[in-house]
Amino acid sequence: MDPSNRLQEIERELLKQPFDRALRIEYAELLLAAGQSESALQQFEVVLGLPDPPAAAAVGAARCLLALDRRIEAADRYTRARQIAGFSQDSQLEEIVAVSRRQETPRLSVVPGPVASGDRDNVVPIERALRDKIRFDDIAGVQDLKRTIRMQIIEPFLRPGLFAKFKKRAGGGVLLYGPPGCGKTMMARAVAGECRAEFVSVGISDVLSMWIGQSETNLALLFEKARANTPSVLFFDELDALAYSRSKANSEHTRQVVNEFLSQLDGFGADNQGVLILAATNMPWDVDSAMKRPGRFSRQIFVPPPDEEARAEIVNLKLQGVPVGEIDAAAIAKVTPHFSGADIEGAIELAKEFVLEDHIARNIERPILQQDLLRAVADMRPSTLDWLRTARNLVKYAGADDAYRDVEDYLKKHRIS
């Protein structure tokens, strides 16, 4: 059969059987043979996104990358394909891998999981959350925030066709900001779970280096890895440390890192389509203003302290599997205004200490009681208050723009003084 006719036939069949792996791999192979390497790569990536993908899809993706002259990525993808059952060698890719191994210069690489201390000079560690590991249902309360994130972030990934009609693309940058301990990192993980996307978590130590130019290289490599594994969520924690305002910085190194970050966000030389770039910060006012322009982190979402309903859910969640008496979680939530999730967890840990003291010092065996929690809460001060007061001063005296309107509304509603 003529290849073009077979392509059309497969396209019709895939409409009926979109998860037929063999059919989609054949489609990808025909596209690659026709010189449509980018389209072929997308088809192989669809197969790789399904549970237990075959080795043929990984090898096919490596061949596409090689055809696109992305040799390092091709070698990396082919090496990983070796670990999949049913792997079959490709002579051209074998030669590429052999050449890369003969390179004398240490090559920076990104690997999943923990990294041995002796390997840290040449390895950028990343953490990939298992798909479906964390979902919105695992996060207590904050329903309004979840609705906002679902519309702005998740739906473009799940319904690309609908959003394409309005020229809305899946990807871009979103900045989560708010007081510490309120679940910004957990929310980012849940976004990846809801999107069925790879989650790459980047910390300060994964990027910053004492060697000139190495920080920029680390940053570029992390972006390249995210682009090679779309759909993916690339999450930068403590963005203010990686993108500190250049007008405040007194280091040329800081300015160079910010410049490289801006270049990667703009996608110069590469397309960020299918890569959602999430970041979190406790100090959005210290992030370089250029990072917040359209096309970069133009969407900024305030993650407030948990509301009363969420605090009650957190209490019940943290007490699961622990000996407890009659606990009124709603009453605890009522007396913990402005407590972060971390604050509530700290109060519960303190209550456990009261119970253990009775066990050890007084030989009294008992569960955690309501009065233990109330006593622990009385001994604590919400860690979010300092942040909220700083934000209040910023909104009130510094002439902050509309980016902080959500913070202003929260301050007015809760009468933070």
Protein backbone atom coordinates (compact mmCIF):
# COMPACT_ATOMS: atom_id res chain seq x y z
CA MET A 1 0.00 0.00 0.00
CA ASP A 2 1.18 3.52 -0.76
CA PRO A 3 2.61 5.08 2.47
CA SER A 4 0.46 8.20 2.14
CA ASN A 5 -2.68 6.08 1.84
CA ARG A 6 -1.62 4.01 4.84
CA LEU A 7 -1.06 7.18 6.86
CA GLN A 8 -4.60 8.32 6.12
CA GLU A 9 -5.97 4.90 6.94
CA ILE A 10 -4.16 4.82 10.30
CA GLU A 11 -5.36 8.33 11.15
CA ARG A 12 -8.95 7.14 10.70
CA GLU A 13 -8.31 4.04 12.81
CA LEU A 14 -6.66 6.06 15.59
CA LEU A 15 -9.81 8.13 15.94
CA LYS A 16 -11.57 4.90 16.92
CA GLN A 17 -8.65 3.34 18.84
CA PRO A 18 -6.51 6.21 20.23
CA PHE A 19 -4.72 3.92 22.73
CA ASP A 20 -3.70 1.22 20.25
CA ARG A 21 0.09 1.25 20.77
CA ALA A 22 1.06 -0.84 17.76
CA LEU A 23 -1.05 1.32 15.49
CA ARG A 24 0.39 4.55 16.82
CA ILE A 25 3.97 3.24 16.59
CA GLU A 26 3.37 2.27 12.96
CA TYR A 27 1.97 5.75 12.35
CA ALA A 28 5.05 7.32 13.94
CA GLU A 29 7.40 5.14 11.86
CA LEU A 30 5.65 6.19 8.65
CA LEU A 31 5.89 9.86 9.64
CA LEU A 32 9.60 9.47 10.39
CA ALA A 33 10.19 7.75 7.03
CA ALA A 34 8.37 10.64 5.36
CA GLY A 35 10.77 13.12 6.98
CA GLN A 36 8.23 14.46 9.49
CA SER A 37 10.53 13.89 12.47
CA GLU A 38 8.87 16.35 14.85
CA SER A 39 5.41 14.88 14.27
CA ALA A 40 6.80 11.36 14.59
CA LEU A 41 8.44 12.27 17.91
CA GLN A 42 5.11 13.53 19.25
CA GLN A 43 3.45 10.22 18.35
CA PHE A 44 6.18 8.18 20.04
CA GLU A 45 5.85 10.43 23.11
CA VAL A 46 2.12 9.67 23.26
CA VAL A 47 2.93 5.95 23.46
CA LEU A 48 5.62 6.58 26.07
CA GLY A 49 3.02 8.38 28.17
CA LEU A 50 0.90 5.21 28.42
CA PRO A 51 1.47 2.63 31.20
CA ASP A 52 4.35 0.18 30.50
CA PRO A 53 5.37 1.60 27.12
CA PRO A 54 7.25 -0.78 24.76
CA ALA A 55 10.96 -0.36 24.04
CA ALA A 56 10.18 0.26 20.37
CA ALA A 57 8.56 3.60 21.28
CA ALA A 58 11.62 4.73 23.24
CA VAL A 59 14.01 3.69 20.45
CA GLY A 60 11.75 5.37 17.91
CA ALA A 61 11.78 8.59 19.92
CA ALA A 62 15.59 8.42 20.03
CA ARG A 63 15.71 8.03 16.23
CA CYS A 64 13.47 11.09 15.86
CA LEU A 65 15.73 13.12 18.14
CA LEU A 66 18.73 12.05 16.08
CA ALA A 67 16.95 13.10 12.88
CA LEU A 68 16.29 16.49 14.52
CA ASP A 69 20.04 16.75 15.28
CA ARG A 70 19.44 16.56 19.04
CA ARG A 71 22.20 14.00 19.45
CA ILE A 72 22.77 14.25 23.20
CA GLU A 73 19.07 13.79 23.90
CA ALA A 74 18.94 10.92 21.40
CA ALA A 75 21.81 9.13 23.16
CA ASP A 76 20.19 9.67 26.54
CA ARG A 77 16.80 8.38 25.37
CA TYR A 78 18.37 5.36 23.67
CA THR A 79 20.39 4.50 26.80
CA ARG A 80 17.22 4.54 28.88
CA ALA A 81 15.47 2.37 26.30
CA ARG A 82 18.01 -0.39 27.03
CA GLN A 83 16.33 -0.95 30.40
CA ILE A 84 12.96 -1.78 28.82
CA ALA A 85 11.98 -5.37 28.06
CA GLY A 86 11.97 -6.18 24.35
CA PHE A 87 14.76 -3.72 23.53
CA SER A 88 16.27 -4.06 20.05
CA GLN A 89 19.53 -2.36 19.04
CA ASP A 90 19.78 0.38 16.43
CA SER A 91 23.21 0.50 14.77
CA GLN A 92 23.27 4.26 14.19
CA LEU A 93 22.27 5.04 17.77
CA GLU A 94 24.77 2.50 19.10
CA GLU A 95 27.52 4.49 17.37
CA ILE A 96 26.24 7.78 18.84
CA VAL A 97 26.24 6.30 22.35
CA ALA A 98 29.75 4.87 21.87
CA VAL A 99 31.07 8.26 20.75
CA SER A 100 29.49 10.04 23.72
CA ARG A 101 31.13 7.56 26.11
CA ARG A 102 34.56 8.29 24.65
CA GLN A 103 34.27 11.98 25.43
CA GLU A 104 36.94 12.92 27.95
CA THR A 105 35.23 16.05 29.26
CA PRO A 106 32.83 15.28 32.14
CA ARG A 107 29.29 15.71 30.87
CA LEU A 108 26.57 17.23 33.01
CA SER A 109 23.62 14.86 33.19
CA VAL A 110 20.24 14.73 34.84
CA VAL A 111 19.33 11.56 36.69
CA PRO A 112 16.26 10.50 38.68
CA GLY A 113 16.49 9.81 42.38
CA PRO A 114 19.20 10.50 44.98
CA VAL A 115 22.75 11.20 43.90
CA ALA A 116 25.89 9.88 45.58
CA SER A 117 27.98 12.62 47.15
CA GLY A 118 30.97 11.82 44.94
CA ASP A 119 28.92 12.35 41.77
CA ARG A 120 27.51 15.79 42.56
CA ASP A 121 30.09 17.73 40.55
CA ASN A 122 28.76 16.52 37.21
CA VAL A 123 25.16 15.58 37.98
CA VAL A 124 22.05 17.68 38.43
CA PRO A 125 19.66 15.63 40.59
CA ILE A 126 15.96 15.79 39.76
CA GLU A 127 12.94 14.33 41.45
CA ARG A 128 10.14 12.84 39.39
CA ALA A 129 6.88 12.31 41.19
CA LEU A 130 5.04 9.18 40.16
CA ARG A 131 2.08 9.92 37.96
CA ASP A 132 -1.19 10.00 39.92
CA LYS A 133 0.85 10.07 43.16
CA ILE A 134 -0.60 13.37 44.38
CA ARG A 135 -3.94 14.76 43.22
CA PHE A 136 -6.17 17.65 44.24
CA ASP A 137 -8.20 15.30 46.43
CA ASP A 138 -5.10 14.85 48.59
CA ILE A 139 -5.03 18.58 49.42
CA ALA A 140 -7.41 19.79 52.09
CA GLY A 141 -9.82 22.65 51.34
CA VAL A 142 -8.82 25.68 49.18
CA GLN A 143 -11.56 24.92 46.65
CA ASP A 144 -11.44 28.41 45.09
CA LEU A 145 -7.70 28.08 44.54
CA LYS A 146 -8.14 24.64 42.98
CA ARG A 147 -10.78 25.99 40.58
CA THR A 148 -8.47 28.84 39.55
CA ILE A 149 -5.53 26.49 38.96
CA ARG A 150 -7.68 23.99 37.07
CA MET A 151 -8.89 26.63 34.63
CA GLN A 152 -5.57 28.42 34.16
CA ILE A 153 -3.20 25.47 34.19
CA ILE A 154 -4.73 22.01 34.03
CA GLU A 155 -7.50 22.27 31.43
CA PRO A 156 -5.14 23.53 28.66
CA PHE A 157 -3.20 20.28 29.15
CA LEU A 158 -6.25 18.03 29.23
CA ARG A 159 -8.15 19.76 26.40
CA PRO A 160 -5.54 21.09 23.99
CA GLY A 161 -7.97 21.03 21.05
CA LEU A 162 -10.50 23.29 22.77
CA PHE A 163 -7.89 25.79 23.89
CA ALA A 164 -6.19 25.74 20.47
CA LYS A 165 -9.36 27.19 18.95
CA PHE A 166 -8.81 30.28 21.05
CA LYS A 167 -5.04 30.17 20.46
CA LYS A 168 -4.40 29.25 24.10
CA ARG A 169 -1.36 27.00 24.44
CA ALA A 170 -0.61 24.31 27.00
CA GLY A 171 2.43 25.53 28.87
CA GLY A 172 3.90 28.80 30.00
CA GLY A 173 4.80 30.01 33.44
CA VAL A 174 2.79 30.28 36.66
CA LEU A 175 4.10 31.71 39.92
CA LEU A 176 2.62 30.48 43.19
CA TYR A 177 3.32 32.83 46.07
CA GLY A 178 2.24 33.21 49.66
CA PRO A 179 3.31 32.59 53.26
CA PRO A 180 5.63 29.66 54.01
CA GLY A 181 4.12 26.32 54.96
CA CYS A 182 0.83 26.80 53.08
CA GLY A 183 1.28 24.05 50.50
CA LYS A 184 2.74 25.73 47.40
CA THR A 185 5.04 22.78 46.67
CA MET A 186 2.26 20.27 47.37
CA MET A 187 -0.02 22.20 45.01
CA ALA A 188 2.64 22.07 42.27
CA ARG A 189 2.93 18.29 42.67
CA ALA A 190 -0.85 17.96 42.51
CA VAL A 191 -0.90 19.98 39.28
CA ALA A 192 1.53 17.50 37.74
CA GLY A 193 -0.64 14.61 38.92
CA GLU A 194 -3.82 16.16 37.51
CA CYS A 195 -2.08 16.87 34.19
CA ARG A 196 -0.63 13.33 33.98
CA ALA A 197 2.71 15.05 33.45
CA GLU A 198 6.30 14.41 34.47
CA PHE A 199 7.22 16.45 37.54
CA VAL A 200 10.74 17.84 37.71
CA SER A 201 11.46 19.62 40.99
CA VAL A 202 14.38 22.06 40.94
CA GLY A 203 15.97 23.41 44.10
CA ILE A 204 18.57 26.14 44.55
CA SER A 205 21.44 23.65 44.85
CA ASP A 206 20.43 22.01 41.55
CA VAL A 207 21.19 25.23 39.66
CA LEU A 208 23.61 27.49 41.50
CA SER A 209 27.31 26.70 41.26
CA MET A 210 30.49 28.44 42.38
CA TRP A 211 32.01 27.96 38.90
CA ILE A 212 31.54 30.72 36.34
CA GLY A 213 28.98 29.75 33.73
CA GLN A 214 28.03 26.44 35.38
CA SER A 215 24.79 27.76 36.89
CA GLU A 216 23.57 28.87 33.46
CA THR A 217 24.51 25.46 32.01
CA ASN A 218 22.62 23.65 34.77
CA LEU A 219 19.55 25.78 34.15
CA ALA A 220 19.63 25.26 30.38
CA LEU A 221 20.00 21.50 30.80
CA LEU A 222 17.00 21.26 33.13
CA PHE A 223 14.84 23.10 30.62
CA GLU A 224 16.07 20.84 27.82
CA LYS A 225 15.21 17.74 29.82
CA ALA A 226 11.70 19.05 30.49
CA ARG A 227 11.23 19.77 26.76
CA ALA A 228 12.36 16.23 25.94
CA ASN A 229 9.74 14.69 28.25
CA THR A 230 6.57 16.63 27.45
CA PRO A 231 4.04 16.98 28.87
CA SER A 232 6.05 17.98 31.90
CA VAL A 233 5.90 20.30 34.88
CA LEU A 234 9.19 22.04 35.65
CA PHE A 235 8.95 23.35 39.20
CA PHE A 236 11.35 25.91 40.67
CA ASP A 237 11.15 26.24 44.44
CA GLU A 238 12.32 29.48 46.08
CA LEU A 239 12.28 31.40 42.80
CA ASP A 240 13.46 34.58 44.52
CA ALA A 241 16.87 32.94 45.08
CA LEU A 242 17.24 31.97 41.40
CA ALA A 243 15.68 35.10 39.87
CA TYR A 244 16.56 37.80 42.37
CA SER A 245 15.79 41.32 41.19
CA ARG A 246 18.73 42.57 39.12
CA SER A 247 18.15 46.13 40.35
CA LYS A 248 18.84 44.93 43.90
CA ALA A 249 21.61 42.45 43.11
CA ASN A 250 25.24 43.43 43.64
CA SER A 251 26.63 40.37 41.87
CA GLU A 252 27.24 39.97 38.14
CA HIS A 253 26.78 36.21 38.59
CA THR A 254 23.20 36.78 39.80
CA ARG A 255 22.43 38.94 36.77
CA GLN A 256 23.79 36.29 34.37
CA VAL A 257 21.62 33.57 35.93
CA VAL A 258 18.53 35.76 35.62
CA ASN A 259 19.39 36.54 31.98
CA GLU A 260 19.72 32.84 31.19
CA PHE A 261 16.44 32.11 33.00
CA LEU A 262 14.64 34.75 30.92
CA SER A 263 16.13 33.32 27.73
CA GLN A 264 14.92 29.81 28.58
CA LEU A 265 11.44 31.06 29.48
CA ASP A 266 11.21 32.82 26.13
CA GLY A 267 12.19 29.56 24.42
CA PHE A 268 15.01 30.99 22.32
CA GLY A 269 16.27 28.14 20.16
CA ALA A 270 13.66 25.71 21.53
CA ASP A 271 9.91 25.44 21.96
CA ASN A 272 8.42 25.31 25.46
CA GLN A 273 5.10 24.01 24.14
CA GLY A 274 3.87 21.28 26.49
CA VAL A 275 6.16 22.39 29.33
CA LEU A 276 4.37 24.01 32.25
CA ILE A 277 6.86 26.05 34.23
CA LEU A 278 5.73 26.45 37.83
CA ALA A 279 7.56 28.37 40.51
CA ALA A 280 6.97 29.12 44.16
CA THR A 281 8.25 31.90 46.36
CA ASN A 282 7.62 33.38 49.78
CA MET A 283 8.95 36.74 48.60
CA PRO A 284 7.46 37.69 45.23
CA TRP A 285 8.59 41.29 45.71
CA ASP A 286 12.21 40.14 45.41
CA VAL A 287 11.68 38.36 42.06
CA ASP A 288 13.01 40.29 39.06
CA SER A 289 10.19 42.27 37.46
CA ALA A 290 11.10 40.98 33.98
CA MET A 291 10.17 37.46 35.13
CA LYS A 292 6.54 38.57 35.54
CA ARG A 293 5.99 39.88 32.03
CA PRO A 294 3.56 38.18 29.59
CA GLY A 295 4.92 34.91 28.24
CA ARG A 296 6.96 34.31 31.38
CA PHE A 297 5.46 34.15 34.89
CA SER A 298 2.61 36.44 33.88
CA ARG A 299 0.11 34.34 35.86
CA GLN A 300 0.66 34.83 39.58
CA ILE A 301 -1.55 32.92 42.00
CA PHE A 302 -1.78 33.70 45.71
CA VAL A 303 -1.75 30.61 47.94
CA PRO A 304 -3.25 31.83 51.23
CA PRO A 305 -3.20 30.17 54.64
CA PRO A 306 -5.79 27.36 54.78
CA ASP A 307 -9.33 28.42 55.60
CA GLU A 308 -11.29 27.04 58.55
CA GLU A 309 -12.67 24.08 56.62
CA ALA A 310 -9.21 23.17 55.33
CA ARG A 311 -7.69 23.45 58.80
CA ALA A 312 -10.25 20.97 60.15
CA GLU A 313 -9.41 18.56 57.32
CA ILE A 314 -5.70 18.92 58.05
CA VAL A 315 -6.26 18.10 61.74
CA ASN A 316 -8.18 14.92 60.85
CA LEU A 317 -5.59 13.98 58.24
CA LYS A 318 -2.61 14.40 60.56
CA LEU A 319 -4.27 12.39 63.34
CA GLN A 320 -4.93 9.35 61.17
CA GLY A 321 -3.34 6.19 62.55
CA VAL A 322 -2.57 7.86 65.91
CA PRO A 323 -4.29 6.92 69.21
CA VAL A 324 -6.83 9.69 69.80
CA GLY A 325 -9.83 10.29 72.05
CA GLU A 326 -12.82 12.46 71.19
CA ILE A 327 -11.41 15.19 68.94
CA ASP A 328 -13.46 18.10 67.64
CA ALA A 329 -11.45 19.14 64.57
CA ALA A 330 -13.87 21.99 63.80
CA ALA A 331 -13.24 23.50 67.25
CA ILE A 332 -9.48 23.29 66.72
CA ALA A 333 -9.87 24.94 63.33
CA LYS A 334 -11.88 27.77 64.86
CA VAL A 335 -9.10 28.72 67.31
CA THR A 336 -6.28 28.54 64.73
CA PRO A 337 -6.86 31.53 62.44
CA HIS A 338 -3.96 32.23 60.04
CA PHE A 339 -2.27 28.91 60.96
CA SER A 340 -0.50 27.33 58.01
CA GLY A 341 -0.66 23.61 57.36
CA ALA A 342 2.87 23.34 58.78
CA ASP A 343 1.76 25.22 61.91
CA ILE A 344 -1.10 22.79 62.49
CA GLU A 345 1.23 19.84 62.02
CA GLY A 346 3.61 21.43 64.53
CA ALA A 347 0.77 21.83 67.06
CA ILE A 348 -0.16 18.15 66.67
CA GLU A 349 3.48 17.12 67.18
CA LEU A 350 3.57 19.21 70.36
CA ALA A 351 0.35 17.54 71.57
CA LYS A 352 1.98 14.14 71.01
CA GLU A 353 4.84 15.23 73.26
CA PHE A 354 2.39 16.00 76.07
CA VAL A 355 0.93 12.49 75.79
CA LEU A 356 4.35 10.81 75.59
CA GLU A 357 5.46 12.73 78.69
CA ASP A 358 2.55 11.17 80.60
CA HIS A 359 3.47 7.72 79.25
CA ILE A 360 7.15 8.01 80.19
CA ALA A 361 7.28 10.22 83.27
CA ARG A 362 3.97 9.27 84.93
CA ASN A 363 3.35 5.79 83.45
CA ILE A 364 -0.10 6.91 82.30
CA GLU A 365 -1.25 5.38 79.04
CA ARG A 366 -3.76 7.55 77.20
CA PRO A 367 -4.59 8.81 73.70
CA ILE A 368 -4.32 12.36 72.41
CA LEU A 369 -7.20 14.40 73.80
CA GLN A 370 -8.86 17.65 72.82
CA GLN A 371 -7.20 19.51 75.68
CA ASP A 372 -3.77 18.42 74.45
CA LEU A 373 -4.41 20.04 71.08
CA LEU A 374 -5.87 23.19 72.65
CA ARG A 375 -2.86 23.48 74.96
CA ALA A 376 -0.46 23.04 72.03
CA VAL A 377 -2.27 25.66 69.96
CA ALA A 378 -2.19 28.12 72.87
CA ASP A 379 1.59 27.76 73.01
CA MET A 380 2.02 28.59 69.31
CA ARG A 381 1.89 31.70 67.17
CA PRO A 382 0.93 31.54 63.48
CA SER A 383 4.08 31.66 61.35
CA THR A 384 2.16 33.42 58.57
CA LEU A 385 1.57 36.67 60.47
CA ASP A 386 5.00 38.16 59.76
CA TRP A 387 4.56 37.48 56.05
CA LEU A 388 1.05 38.90 56.00
CA ARG A 389 2.16 42.09 57.75
CA THR A 390 5.03 42.51 55.31
CA ALA A 391 2.58 42.08 52.46
CA ARG A 392 0.22 44.58 54.08
CA ASN A 393 2.98 47.20 54.23
CA LEU A 394 3.92 46.48 50.62
CA VAL A 395 0.35 46.91 49.43
CA LYS A 396 -0.24 49.97 51.59
CA TYR A 397 2.99 51.95 51.24
CA ALA A 398 4.98 50.61 48.27
CA GLY A 399 2.39 51.26 45.60
CA ALA A 400 2.16 47.61 44.61
CA ASP A 401 0.40 46.90 41.32
CA ASP A 402 -2.68 44.75 40.68
CA ALA A 403 -0.55 41.60 40.94
CA TYR A 404 -1.15 41.66 44.71
CA ARG A 405 -4.88 42.32 44.59
CA ASP A 406 -5.65 38.84 45.96
CA VAL A 407 -3.38 39.54 48.92
CA GLU A 408 -5.08 42.88 49.51
CA ASP A 409 -8.51 41.23 49.46
CA TYR A 410 -7.32 38.58 51.93
CA LEU A 411 -5.91 41.23 54.28
CA LYS A 412 -9.15 43.22 54.20
CA LYS A 413 -11.32 40.14 54.74
CA HIS A 414 -9.28 38.95 57.73
CA ARG A 415 -8.45 42.42 59.09
CA ILE A 416 -4.74 41.82 59.44
CA SER A 417 -3.19 44.64 61.48
